[in-house]
Amino acid sequence: QSEEQGIVLRFGKYVSHSDPGLNYHLPYPIETVLLPKVLRVS
């Protein structure tokens, strides 16, 4: 989403990040993605 950033993990290790939009990573369980809201002000 627009306020998020994709953090790609390969076997639990950070490898790259992705910008808002449609993206692709290797399927589970090889890679997973976390989506923290980097633009949200708390």
PDB file of all heavy atoms in Angstrom:
ATOM      1  N   GLN A   1       0.823  -1.197   0.000  1.00  0.00           N
ATOM      2  CA  GLN A   1       0.000   0.000   0.000  1.00  0.00           C
ATOM      3  C   GLN A   1       0.867   1.261   0.000  1.00  0.00           C
ATOM      4  O   GLN A   1       2.088   1.219   0.169  1.00  0.00           O
ATOM      5  CB  GLN A   1      -0.936  -0.005   1.215  1.00  0.00           C
ATOM      6  CG  GLN A   1      -1.858  -1.213   1.270  1.00  0.00           C
ATOM      7  CD  GLN A   1      -2.811  -1.276   0.082  1.00  0.00           C
ATOM      8  OE1 GLN A   1      -3.213  -0.240  -0.449  1.00  0.00           O
ATOM      9  NE2 GLN A   1      -3.159  -2.497  -0.324  1.00  0.00           N
ATOM     10  N   SER A   2       0.188   2.410  -0.191  1.00  0.00           N
ATOM     11  CA  SER A   2       0.920   3.671  -0.361  1.00  0.00           C
ATOM     12  C   SER A   2       1.704   4.072   0.887  1.00  0.00           C
ATOM     13  O   SER A   2       2.758   4.697   0.793  1.00  0.00           O
ATOM     14  CB  SER A   2      -0.059   4.791  -0.731  1.00  0.00           C
ATOM     15  OG  SER A   2      -1.050   4.942   0.279  1.00  0.00           O
ATOM     16  N   GLU A   3       1.223   3.741   2.068  1.00  0.00           N
ATOM     17  CA  GLU A   3       1.910   4.116   3.293  1.00  0.00           C
ATOM     18  C   GLU A   3       2.823   3.002   3.829  1.00  0.00           C
ATOM     19  O   GLU A   3       3.381   3.144   4.911  1.00  0.00           O
ATOM     20  CB  GLU A   3       0.892   4.497   4.368  1.00  0.00           C
ATOM     21  CG  GLU A   3      -0.001   3.347   4.793  1.00  0.00           C
ATOM     22  CD  GLU A   3      -0.921   3.713   5.927  1.00  0.00           C
ATOM     23  OE1 GLU A   3      -0.896   4.879   6.358  1.00  0.00           O
ATOM     24  OE2 GLU A   3      -1.650   2.824   6.388  1.00  0.00           O
ATOM     25  N   GLU A   4       2.960   1.929   3.074  1.00  0.00           N
ATOM     26  CA  GLU A   4       3.735   0.775   3.524  1.00  0.00           C
ATOM     27  C   GLU A   4       5.040   0.658   2.736  1.00  0.00           C
ATOM     28  O   GLU A   4       5.244   1.316   1.706  1.00  0.00           O
ATOM     29  CB  GLU A   4       2.928  -0.507   3.375  1.00  0.00           C
ATOM     30  CG  GLU A   4       1.662  -0.564   4.203  1.00  0.00           C
ATOM     31  CD  GLU A   4       0.856  -1.811   3.918  1.00  0.00           C
ATOM     32  OE1 GLU A   4       1.079  -2.429   2.851  1.00  0.00           O
ATOM     33  OE2 GLU A   4      -0.004  -2.170   4.727  1.00  0.00           O
ATOM     34  N   GLN A   5       5.881  -0.218   3.235  1.00  0.00           N
ATOM     35  CA  GLN A   5       7.114  -0.602   2.533  1.00  0.00           C
ATOM     36  C   GLN A   5       7.309  -2.104   2.723  1.00  0.00           C
ATOM     37  O   GLN A   5       7.195  -2.618   3.834  1.00  0.00           O
ATOM     38  CB  GLN A   5       8.318   0.165   3.071  1.00  0.00           C
ATOM     39  CG  GLN A   5       9.606  -0.077   2.280  1.00  0.00           C
ATOM     40  CD  GLN A   5      10.769   0.715   2.828  1.00  0.00           C
ATOM     41  OE1 GLN A   5      11.003   0.710   4.034  1.00  0.00           O
ATOM     42  NE2 GLN A   5      11.489   1.403   1.956  1.00  0.00           N
ATOM     43  N   GLY A   6       7.596  -2.811   1.612  1.00  0.00           N
ATOM     44  CA  GLY A   6       7.771  -4.249   1.695  1.00  0.00           C
ATOM     45  C   GLY A   6       9.187  -4.634   2.072  1.00  0.00           C
ATOM     46  O   GLY A   6      10.149  -4.187   1.453  1.00  0.00           O
ATOM     47  N   ILE A   7       9.323  -5.438   3.111  1.00  0.00           N
ATOM     48  CA  ILE A   7      10.615  -5.940   3.577  1.00  0.00           C
ATOM     49  C   ILE A   7      10.654  -7.437   3.275  1.00  0.00           C
ATOM     50  O   ILE A   7       9.918  -8.226   3.875  1.00  0.00           O
ATOM     51  CB  ILE A   7      10.812  -5.668   5.076  1.00  0.00           C
ATOM     52  CG1 ILE A   7      10.664  -4.181   5.369  1.00  0.00           C
ATOM     53  CG2 ILE A   7      12.157  -6.180   5.533  1.00  0.00           C
ATOM     54  CD1 ILE A   7      11.661  -3.296   4.653  1.00  0.00           C
ATOM     55  N   VAL A   8      11.495  -7.827   2.319  1.00  0.00           N
ATOM     56  CA  VAL A   8      11.563  -9.219   1.859  1.00  0.00           C
ATOM     57  C   VAL A   8      12.598  -9.969   2.687  1.00  0.00           C
ATOM     58  O   VAL A   8      13.746  -9.509   2.838  1.00  0.00           O
ATOM     59  CB  VAL A   8      11.917  -9.273   0.359  1.00  0.00           C
ATOM     60  CG1 VAL A   8      11.991 -10.719  -0.112  1.00  0.00           C
ATOM     61  CG2 VAL A   8      10.895  -8.487  -0.466  1.00  0.00           C
ATOM     62  N   LEU A   9      12.198 -11.114   3.222  1.00  0.00           N
ATOM     63  CA  LEU A   9      13.065 -11.968   4.033  1.00  0.00           C
ATOM     64  C   LEU A   9      13.267 -13.295   3.310  1.00  0.00           C
ATOM     65  O   LEU A   9      12.303 -13.902   2.827  1.00  0.00           O
ATOM     66  CB  LEU A   9      12.443 -12.213   5.413  1.00  0.00           C
ATOM     67  CG  LEU A   9      12.015 -10.981   6.218  1.00  0.00           C
ATOM     68  CD1 LEU A   9      11.410 -11.420   7.539  1.00  0.00           C
ATOM     69  CD2 LEU A   9      13.186 -10.047   6.449  1.00  0.00           C
ATOM     70  N   ARG A  10      14.487 -13.757   3.216  1.00  0.00           N
ATOM     71  CA  ARG A  10      14.819 -15.060   2.637  1.00  0.00           C
ATOM     72  C   ARG A  10      15.300 -15.981   3.737  1.00  0.00           C
ATOM     73  O   ARG A  10      16.373 -15.754   4.308  1.00  0.00           O
ATOM     74  CB  ARG A  10      15.877 -14.908   1.560  1.00  0.00           C
ATOM     75  CG  ARG A  10      16.230 -16.199   0.848  1.00  0.00           C
ATOM     76  CD  ARG A  10      17.173 -15.915  -0.296  1.00  0.00           C
ATOM     77  NE  ARG A  10      16.530 -15.048  -1.285  1.00  0.00           N
ATOM     78  CZ  ARG A  10      17.200 -14.400  -2.252  1.00  0.00           C
ATOM     79  NH1 ARG A  10      18.530 -14.553  -2.340  1.00  0.00           N
ATOM     80  NH2 ARG A  10      16.558 -13.632  -3.109  1.00  0.00           N
ATOM     81  N   PHE A  11      14.463 -16.943   4.052  1.00  0.00           N
ATOM     82  CA  PHE A  11      14.726 -17.830   5.188  1.00  0.00           C
ATOM     83  C   PHE A  11      14.959 -17.025   6.470  1.00  0.00           C
ATOM     84  O   PHE A  11      15.827 -17.325   7.280  1.00  0.00           O
ATOM     85  CB  PHE A  11      15.914 -18.750   4.908  1.00  0.00           C
ATOM     86  CG  PHE A  11      15.704 -19.650   3.737  1.00  0.00           C
ATOM     87  CD1 PHE A  11      16.428 -19.485   2.569  1.00  0.00           C
ATOM     88  CD2 PHE A  11      14.753 -20.670   3.806  1.00  0.00           C
ATOM     89  CE1 PHE A  11      16.227 -20.322   1.482  1.00  0.00           C
ATOM     90  CE2 PHE A  11      14.546 -21.510   2.723  1.00  0.00           C
ATOM     91  CZ  PHE A  11      15.280 -21.335   1.557  1.00  0.00           C
ATOM     92  N   GLY A  12      14.166 -15.921   6.645  1.00  0.00           N
ATOM     93  CA  GLY A  12      14.228 -15.105   7.846  1.00  0.00           C
ATOM     94  C   GLY A  12      15.266 -14.014   7.833  1.00  0.00           C
ATOM     95  O   GLY A  12      15.343 -13.238   8.793  1.00  0.00           O
ATOM     96  N   LYS A  13      16.078 -13.891   6.773  1.00  0.00           N
ATOM     97  CA  LYS A  13      17.106 -12.871   6.686  1.00  0.00           C
ATOM     98  C   LYS A  13      16.686 -11.797   5.693  1.00  0.00           C
ATOM     99  O   LYS A  13      16.202 -12.101   4.603  1.00  0.00           O
ATOM    100  CB  LYS A  13      18.443 -13.497   6.263  1.00  0.00           C
ATOM    101  CG  LYS A  13      19.580 -12.486   6.169  1.00  0.00           C
ATOM    102  CD  LYS A  13      20.869 -13.174   5.728  1.00  0.00           C
ATOM    103  CE  LYS A  13      22.002 -12.162   5.603  1.00  0.00           C
ATOM    104  NZ  LYS A  13      23.262 -12.791   5.158  1.00  0.00           N
ATOM    105  N   TYR A  14      16.912 -10.520   6.085  1.00  0.00           N
ATOM    106  CA  TYR A  14      16.539  -9.415   5.211  1.00  0.00           C
ATOM    107  C   TYR A  14      17.416  -9.403   3.964  1.00  0.00           C
ATOM    108  O   TYR A  14      18.640  -9.477   4.035  1.00  0.00           O
ATOM    109  CB  TYR A  14      16.689  -8.089   5.972  1.00  0.00           C
ATOM    110  CG  TYR A  14      16.624  -6.864   5.086  1.00  0.00           C
ATOM    111  CD1 TYR A  14      15.409  -6.453   4.545  1.00  0.00           C
ATOM    112  CD2 TYR A  14      17.772  -6.151   4.790  1.00  0.00           C
ATOM    113  CE1 TYR A  14      15.344  -5.327   3.735  1.00  0.00           C
ATOM    114  CE2 TYR A  14      17.723  -5.022   3.981  1.00  0.00           C
ATOM    115  CZ  TYR A  14      16.503  -4.616   3.446  1.00  0.00           C
ATOM    116  OH  TYR A  14      16.443  -3.522   2.641  1.00  0.00           O
ATOM    117  N   VAL A  15      16.748  -9.296   2.785  1.00  0.00           N
ATOM    118  CA  VAL A  15      17.495  -9.271   1.524  1.00  0.00           C
ATOM    119  C   VAL A  15      17.197  -8.029   0.697  1.00  0.00           C
ATOM    120  O   VAL A  15      18.072  -7.523  -0.014  1.00  0.00           O
ATOM    121  CB  VAL A  15      17.208 -10.533   0.689  1.00  0.00           C
ATOM    122  CG1 VAL A  15      17.801 -11.752   1.345  1.00  0.00           C
ATOM    123  CG2 VAL A  15      15.694 -10.711   0.458  1.00  0.00           C
ATOM    124  N   SER A  16      15.989  -7.493   0.745  1.00  0.00           N
ATOM    125  CA  SER A  16      15.650  -6.324  -0.070  1.00  0.00           C
ATOM    126  C   SER A  16      14.361  -5.706   0.457  1.00  0.00           C
ATOM    127  O   SER A  16      13.697  -6.255   1.344  1.00  0.00           O
ATOM    128  CB  SER A  16      15.476  -6.711  -1.546  1.00  0.00           C
ATOM    129  OG  SER A  16      14.386  -7.602  -1.698  1.00  0.00           O
ATOM    130  N   HIS A  17      14.026  -4.552  -0.129  1.00  0.00           N
ATOM    131  CA  HIS A  17      12.766  -3.899   0.188  1.00  0.00           C
ATOM    132  C   HIS A  17      12.068  -3.517  -1.112  1.00  0.00           C
ATOM    133  O   HIS A  17      12.710  -3.402  -2.166  1.00  0.00           O
ATOM    134  CB  HIS A  17      12.978  -2.651   1.052  1.00  0.00           C
ATOM    135  CG  HIS A  17      13.690  -1.543   0.336  1.00  0.00           C
ATOM    136  ND1 HIS A  17      15.062  -1.497   0.219  1.00  0.00           N
ATOM    137  CD2 HIS A  17      13.217  -0.450  -0.326  1.00  0.00           C
ATOM    138  CE1 HIS A  17      15.404  -0.429  -0.466  1.00  0.00           C
ATOM    139  NE2 HIS A  17      14.311   0.225  -0.820  1.00  0.00           N
ATOM    140  N   SER A  18      10.779  -3.319  -1.064  1.00  0.00           N
ATOM    141  CA  SER A  18       9.984  -3.015  -2.244  1.00  0.00           C
ATOM    142  C   SER A  18       9.129  -1.788  -1.994  1.00  0.00           C
ATOM    143  O   SER A  18       8.732  -1.500  -0.864  1.00  0.00           O
ATOM    144  CB  SER A  18       9.099  -4.217  -2.609  1.00  0.00           C
ATOM    145  OG  SER A  18       8.289  -4.578  -1.501  1.00  0.00           O
ATOM    146  N   ASP A  19       8.838  -1.069  -3.090  1.00  0.00           N
ATOM    147  CA  ASP A  19       8.053   0.153  -3.040  1.00  0.00           C
ATOM    148  C   ASP A  19       6.579  -0.169  -3.181  1.00  0.00           C
ATOM    149  O   ASP A  19       6.196  -1.292  -3.549  1.00  0.00           O
ATOM    150  CB  ASP A  19       8.510   1.117  -4.138  1.00  0.00           C
ATOM    151  CG  ASP A  19       9.960   1.542  -3.948  1.00  0.00           C
ATOM    152  OD1 ASP A  19      10.381   1.652  -2.783  1.00  0.00           O
ATOM    153  OD2 ASP A  19      10.662   1.754  -4.959  1.00  0.00           O
ATOM    154  N   PRO A  20       5.714   0.836  -2.927  1.00  0.00           N
ATOM    155  CA  PRO A  20       4.269   0.593  -3.067  1.00  0.00           C
ATOM    156  C   PRO A  20       3.903   0.129  -4.469  1.00  0.00           C
ATOM    157  O   PRO A  20       4.469   0.568  -5.472  1.00  0.00           O
ATOM    158  CB  PRO A  20       3.651   1.948  -2.736  1.00  0.00           C
ATOM    159  CG  PRO A  20       4.646   2.600  -1.830  1.00  0.00           C
ATOM    160  CD  PRO A  20       5.990   2.157  -2.324  1.00  0.00           C
ATOM    161  N   GLY A  21       2.943  -0.790  -4.553  1.00  0.00           N
ATOM    162  CA  GLY A  21       2.500  -1.364  -5.819  1.00  0.00           C
ATOM    163  C   GLY A  21       2.503  -2.881  -5.760  1.00  0.00           C
ATOM    164  O   GLY A  21       2.665  -3.497  -4.690  1.00  0.00           O
ATOM    165  N   LEU A  22       2.341  -3.513  -6.925  1.00  0.00           N
ATOM    166  CA  LEU A  22       2.346  -4.973  -7.013  1.00  0.00           C
ATOM    167  C   LEU A  22       3.782  -5.466  -7.152  1.00  0.00           C
ATOM    168  O   LEU A  22       4.526  -5.023  -8.035  1.00  0.00           O
ATOM    169  CB  LEU A  22       1.504  -5.422  -8.216  1.00  0.00           C
ATOM    170  CG  LEU A  22       1.325  -6.932  -8.383  1.00  0.00           C
ATOM    171  CD1 LEU A  22       0.584  -7.531  -7.193  1.00  0.00           C
ATOM    172  CD2 LEU A  22       0.586  -7.238  -9.689  1.00  0.00           C
ATOM    173  N   ASN A  23       4.187  -6.382  -6.291  1.00  0.00           N
ATOM    174  CA  ASN A  23       5.552  -6.902  -6.289  1.00  0.00           C
ATOM    175  C   ASN A  23       5.516  -8.431  -6.193  1.00  0.00           C
ATOM    176  O   ASN A  23       4.453  -9.041  -6.006  1.00  0.00           O
ATOM    177  CB  ASN A  23       6.341  -6.318  -5.101  1.00  0.00           C
ATOM    178  CG  ASN A  23       6.475  -4.808  -5.184  1.00  0.00           C
ATOM    179  OD1 ASN A  23       7.393  -4.282  -5.789  1.00  0.00           O
ATOM    180  ND2 ASN A  23       5.549  -4.079  -4.550  1.00  0.00           N
ATOM    181  N   TYR A  24       6.706  -9.005  -6.312  1.00  0.00           N
ATOM    182  CA  TYR A  24       6.802 -10.471  -6.303  1.00  0.00           C
ATOM    183  C   TYR A  24       8.024 -10.897  -5.492  1.00  0.00           C
ATOM    184  O   TYR A  24       9.074 -10.242  -5.520  1.00  0.00           O
ATOM    185  CB  TYR A  24       6.930 -11.023  -7.722  1.00  0.00           C
ATOM    186  CG  TYR A  24       6.989 -12.529  -7.776  1.00  0.00           C
ATOM    187  CD1 TYR A  24       5.839 -13.289  -7.683  1.00  0.00           C
ATOM    188  CD2 TYR A  24       8.217 -13.183  -7.914  1.00  0.00           C
ATOM    189  CE1 TYR A  24       5.895 -14.669  -7.722  1.00  0.00           C
ATOM    190  CE2 TYR A  24       8.281 -14.564  -7.954  1.00  0.00           C
ATOM    191  CZ  TYR A  24       7.115 -15.310  -7.855  1.00  0.00           C
ATOM    192  OH  TYR A  24       7.171 -16.672  -7.879  1.00  0.00           O
ATOM    193  N   HIS A  25       7.872 -11.948  -4.741  1.00  0.00           N
ATOM    194  CA  HIS A  25       8.986 -12.580  -4.037  1.00  0.00           C
ATOM    195  C   HIS A  25       8.848 -14.086  -4.194  1.00  0.00           C
ATOM    196  O   HIS A  25       7.783 -14.607  -4.560  1.00  0.00           O
ATOM    197  CB  HIS A  25       8.995 -12.187  -2.546  1.00  0.00           C
ATOM    198  CG  HIS A  25       7.821 -12.731  -1.784  1.00  0.00           C
ATOM    199  ND1 HIS A  25       7.783 -14.005  -1.267  1.00  0.00           N
ATOM    200  CD2 HIS A  25       6.637 -12.158  -1.450  1.00  0.00           C
ATOM    201  CE1 HIS A  25       6.646 -14.200  -0.649  1.00  0.00           C
ATOM    202  NE2 HIS A  25       5.913 -13.090  -0.745  1.00  0.00           N
ATOM    203  N   LEU A  26       9.936 -14.774  -3.962  1.00  0.00           N
ATOM    204  CA  LEU A  26       9.889 -16.229  -4.058  1.00  0.00           C
ATOM    205  C   LEU A  26       8.875 -16.775  -3.068  1.00  0.00           C
ATOM    206  O   LEU A  26       8.770 -16.302  -1.937  1.00  0.00           O
ATOM    207  CB  LEU A  26      11.277 -16.811  -3.780  1.00  0.00           C
ATOM    208  CG  LEU A  26      12.374 -16.433  -4.790  1.00  0.00           C
ATOM    209  CD1 LEU A  26      13.693 -17.046  -4.383  1.00  0.00           C
ATOM    210  CD2 LEU A  26      11.982 -16.866  -6.208  1.00  0.00           C
ATOM    211  N   PRO A  27       8.119 -17.796  -3.476  1.00  0.00           N
ATOM    212  CA  PRO A  27       7.014 -18.261  -2.627  1.00  0.00           C
ATOM    213  C   PRO A  27       7.516 -18.784  -1.282  1.00  0.00           C
ATOM    214  O   PRO A  27       8.675 -19.149  -1.097  1.00  0.00           O
ATOM    215  CB  PRO A  27       6.357 -19.364  -3.461  1.00  0.00           C
ATOM    216  CG  PRO A  27       6.785 -19.092  -4.865  1.00  0.00           C
ATOM    217  CD  PRO A  27       8.162 -18.512  -4.764  1.00  0.00           C
ATOM    218  N   TYR A  28       6.571 -18.800  -0.353  1.00  0.00           N
ATOM    219  CA  TYR A  28       6.815 -19.371   0.978  1.00  0.00           C
ATOM    220  C   TYR A  28       7.137 -20.854   0.819  1.00  0.00           C
ATOM    221  O   TYR A  28       6.531 -21.525  -0.026  1.00  0.00           O
ATOM    222  CB  TYR A  28       5.568 -19.172   1.834  1.00  0.00           C
ATOM    223  CG  TYR A  28       5.687 -19.722   3.218  1.00  0.00           C
ATOM    224  CD1 TYR A  28       6.269 -18.989   4.237  1.00  0.00           C
ATOM    225  CD2 TYR A  28       5.213 -21.004   3.504  1.00  0.00           C
ATOM    226  CE1 TYR A  28       6.378 -19.510   5.510  1.00  0.00           C
ATOM    227  CE2 TYR A  28       5.322 -21.535   4.772  1.00  0.00           C
ATOM    228  CZ  TYR A  28       5.910 -20.773   5.779  1.00  0.00           C
ATOM    229  OH  TYR A  28       6.022 -21.298   7.037  1.00  0.00           O
ATOM    230  N   PRO A  29       8.064 -21.414   1.554  1.00  0.00           N
ATOM    231  CA  PRO A  29       8.790 -20.841   2.701  1.00  0.00           C
ATOM    232  C   PRO A  29      10.155 -20.253   2.360  1.00  0.00           C
ATOM    233  O   PRO A  29      10.946 -20.012   3.263  1.00  0.00           O
ATOM    234  CB  PRO A  29       8.937 -22.034   3.628  1.00  0.00           C
ATOM    235  CG  PRO A  29       9.143 -23.175   2.673  1.00  0.00           C
ATOM    236  CD  PRO A  29       8.305 -22.870   1.463  1.00  0.00           C
ATOM    237  N   ILE A  30      10.427 -20.050   1.061  1.00  0.00           N
ATOM    238  CA  ILE A  30      11.747 -19.522   0.707  1.00  0.00           C
ATOM    239  C   ILE A  30      11.847 -18.057   1.127  1.00  0.00           C
ATOM    240  O   ILE A  30      12.790 -17.648   1.814  1.00  0.00           O
ATOM    241  CB  ILE A  30      11.993 -19.689  -0.799  1.00  0.00           C
ATOM    242  CG1 ILE A  30      11.941 -21.169  -1.190  1.00  0.00           C
ATOM    243  CG2 ILE A  30      13.339 -19.095  -1.186  1.00  0.00           C
ATOM    244  CD1 ILE A  30      12.059 -21.399  -2.683  1.00  0.00           C
ATOM    245  N   GLU A  31      10.880 -17.276   0.685  1.00  0.00           N
ATOM    246  CA  GLU A  31      10.887 -15.863   1.033  1.00  0.00           C
ATOM    247  C   GLU A  31       9.531 -15.469   1.593  1.00  0.00           C
ATOM    248  O   GLU A  31       8.487 -16.005   1.182  1.00  0.00           O
ATOM    249  CB  GLU A  31      11.202 -14.989  -0.191  1.00  0.00           C
ATOM    250  CG  GLU A  31      12.649 -15.079  -0.654  1.00  0.00           C
ATOM    251  CD  GLU A  31      12.946 -14.150  -1.810  1.00  0.00           C
ATOM    252  OE1 GLU A  31      11.988 -13.545  -2.358  1.00  0.00           O
ATOM    253  OE2 GLU A  31      14.125 -14.003  -2.168  1.00  0.00           O
ATOM    254  N   THR A  32       9.561 -14.521   2.520  1.00  0.00           N
ATOM    255  CA  THR A  32       8.354 -13.925   3.091  1.00  0.00           C
ATOM    256  C   THR A  32       8.499 -12.411   3.050  1.00  0.00           C
ATOM    257  O   THR A  32       9.590 -11.890   2.817  1.00  0.00           O
ATOM    258  CB  THR A  32       8.131 -14.391   4.538  1.00  0.00           C
ATOM    259  OG1 THR A  32       9.292 -14.067   5.325  1.00  0.00           O
ATOM    260  CG2 THR A  32       7.874 -15.894   4.607  1.00  0.00           C
ATOM    261  N   VAL A  33       7.415 -11.716   3.287  1.00  0.00           N
ATOM    262  CA  VAL A  33       7.430 -10.254   3.230  1.00  0.00           C
ATOM    263  C   VAL A  33       6.719  -9.696   4.458  1.00  0.00           C
ATOM    264  O   VAL A  33       5.712 -10.246   4.915  1.00  0.00           O
ATOM    265  CB  VAL A  33       6.764  -9.751   1.928  1.00  0.00           C
ATOM    266  CG1 VAL A  33       5.302 -10.126   1.869  1.00  0.00           C
ATOM    267  CG2 VAL A  33       6.923  -8.247   1.786  1.00  0.00           C
ATOM    268  N   LEU A  34       7.289  -8.605   4.979  1.00  0.00           N
ATOM    269  CA  LEU A  34       6.673  -7.843   6.056  1.00  0.00           C
ATOM    270  C   LEU A  34       6.306  -6.473   5.516  1.00  0.00           C
ATOM    271  O   LEU A  34       7.030  -5.892   4.695  1.00  0.00           O
ATOM    272  CB  LEU A  34       7.627  -7.706   7.243  1.00  0.00           C
ATOM    273  CG  LEU A  34       8.096  -9.005   7.885  1.00  0.00           C
ATOM    274  CD1 LEU A  34       9.101  -8.726   8.989  1.00  0.00           C
ATOM    275  CD2 LEU A  34       6.914  -9.792   8.444  1.00  0.00           C
ATOM    276  N   LEU A  35       5.197  -5.910   5.984  1.00  0.00           N
ATOM    277  CA  LEU A  35       4.669  -4.654   5.448  1.00  0.00           C
ATOM    278  C   LEU A  35       4.506  -3.623   6.563  1.00  0.00           C
ATOM    279  O   LEU A  35       3.388  -3.329   7.013  1.00  0.00           O
ATOM    280  CB  LEU A  35       3.324  -4.899   4.750  1.00  0.00           C
ATOM    281  CG  LEU A  35       3.350  -5.888   3.584  1.00  0.00           C
ATOM    282  CD1 LEU A  35       1.943  -6.163   3.088  1.00  0.00           C
ATOM    283  CD2 LEU A  35       4.226  -5.352   2.458  1.00  0.00           C
ATOM    284  N   PRO A  36       5.595  -3.032   7.061  1.00  0.00           N
ATOM    285  CA  PRO A  36       5.461  -1.977   8.082  1.00  0.00           C
ATOM    286  C   PRO A  36       4.940  -0.682   7.451  1.00  0.00           C
ATOM    287  O   PRO A  36       5.237  -0.364   6.290  1.00  0.00           O
ATOM    288  CB  PRO A  36       6.886  -1.814   8.600  1.00  0.00           C
ATOM    289  CG  PRO A  36       7.747  -2.231   7.456  1.00  0.00           C
ATOM    290  CD  PRO A  36       7.004  -3.333   6.754  1.00  0.00           C
ATOM    291  N   LYS A  37       4.172   0.074   8.212  1.00  0.00           N
ATOM    292  CA  LYS A  37       3.599   1.342   7.740  1.00  0.00           C
ATOM    293  C   LYS A  37       4.610   2.456   8.025  1.00  0.00           C
ATOM    294  O   LYS A  37       4.611   3.069   9.089  1.00  0.00           O
ATOM    295  CB  LYS A  37       2.265   1.603   8.424  1.00  0.00           C
ATOM    296  CG  LYS A  37       1.222   0.524   8.141  1.00  0.00           C
ATOM    297  CD  LYS A  37      -0.102   0.839   8.779  1.00  0.00           C
ATOM    298  CE  LYS A  37      -1.116  -0.262   8.515  1.00  0.00           C
ATOM    299  NZ  LYS A  37      -1.387  -0.457   7.075  1.00  0.00           N
ATOM    300  N   VAL A  38       5.452   2.744   7.020  1.00  0.00           N
ATOM    301  CA  VAL A  38       6.560   3.688   7.211  1.00  0.00           C
ATOM    302  C   VAL A  38       6.106   5.139   7.172  1.00  0.00           C
ATOM    303  O   VAL A  38       6.832   6.032   7.632  1.00  0.00           O
ATOM    304  CB  VAL A  38       7.656   3.437   6.159  1.00  0.00           C
ATOM    305  CG1 VAL A  38       8.275   2.070   6.346  1.00  0.00           C
ATOM    306  CG2 VAL A  38       7.090   3.566   4.751  1.00  0.00           C
ATOM    307  N   LEU A  39       4.951   5.434   6.591  1.00  0.00           N
ATOM    308  CA  LEU A  39       4.487   6.822   6.480  1.00  0.00           C
ATOM    309  C   LEU A  39       3.462   7.197   7.546  1.00  0.00           C
ATOM    310  O   LEU A  39       3.036   8.352   7.596  1.00  0.00           O
ATOM    311  CB  LEU A  39       3.878   7.068   5.090  1.00  0.00           C
ATOM    312  CG  LEU A  39       4.839   6.915   3.898  1.00  0.00           C
ATOM    313  CD1 LEU A  39       4.122   7.228   2.605  1.00  0.00           C
ATOM    314  CD2 LEU A  39       6.058   7.812   4.067  1.00  0.00           C
ATOM    315  N   ARG A  40       3.062   6.263   8.363  1.00  0.00           N
ATOM    316  CA  ARG A  40       2.061   6.565   9.384  1.00  0.00           C
ATOM    317  C   ARG A  40       2.740   7.223  10.587  1.00  0.00           C
ATOM    318  O   ARG A  40       3.733   6.719  11.119  1.00  0.00           O
ATOM    319  CB  ARG A  40       1.350   5.296   9.827  1.00  0.00           C
ATOM    320  CG  ARG A  40       0.203   5.555  10.815  1.00  0.00           C
ATOM    321  CD  ARG A  40      -0.484   4.271  11.199  1.00  0.00           C
ATOM    322  NE  ARG A  40       0.407   3.375  11.899  1.00  0.00           N
ATOM    323  CZ  ARG A  40       0.072   2.146  12.298  1.00  0.00           C
ATOM    324  NH1 ARG A  40      -1.138   1.682  12.016  1.00  0.00           N
ATOM    325  NH2 ARG A  40       0.943   1.387  12.930  1.00  0.00           N
ATOM    326  N   VAL A  41       2.209   8.386  10.996  1.00  0.00           N
ATOM    327  CA  VAL A  41       2.737   9.120  12.151  1.00  0.00           C
ATOM    328  C   VAL A  41       1.978   8.659  13.387  1.00  0.00           C
ATOM    329  O   VAL A  41       0.740   8.777  13.455  1.00  0.00           O
ATOM    330  CB  VAL A  41       2.604  10.639  11.951  1.00  0.00           C
ATOM    331  CG1 VAL A  41       3.114  11.384  13.186  1.00  0.00           C
ATOM    332  CG2 VAL A  41       3.363  11.085  10.706  1.00  0.00           C
ATOM    333  N   SER A  42       2.706   8.139  14.339  1.00  0.00           N
ATOM    334  CA  SER A  42       2.107   7.645  15.583  1.00  0.00           C
ATOM    335  C   SER A  42       2.232   8.706  16.661  1.00  0.00           C
ATOM    336  O   SER A  42       3.218   9.447  16.722  1.00  0.00           O
ATOM    337  CB  SER A  42       2.786   6.351  16.033  1.00  0.00           C
ATOM    338  OG  SER A  42       2.676   5.357  15.034  1.00  0.00           O
TER     339      SER A  42
END
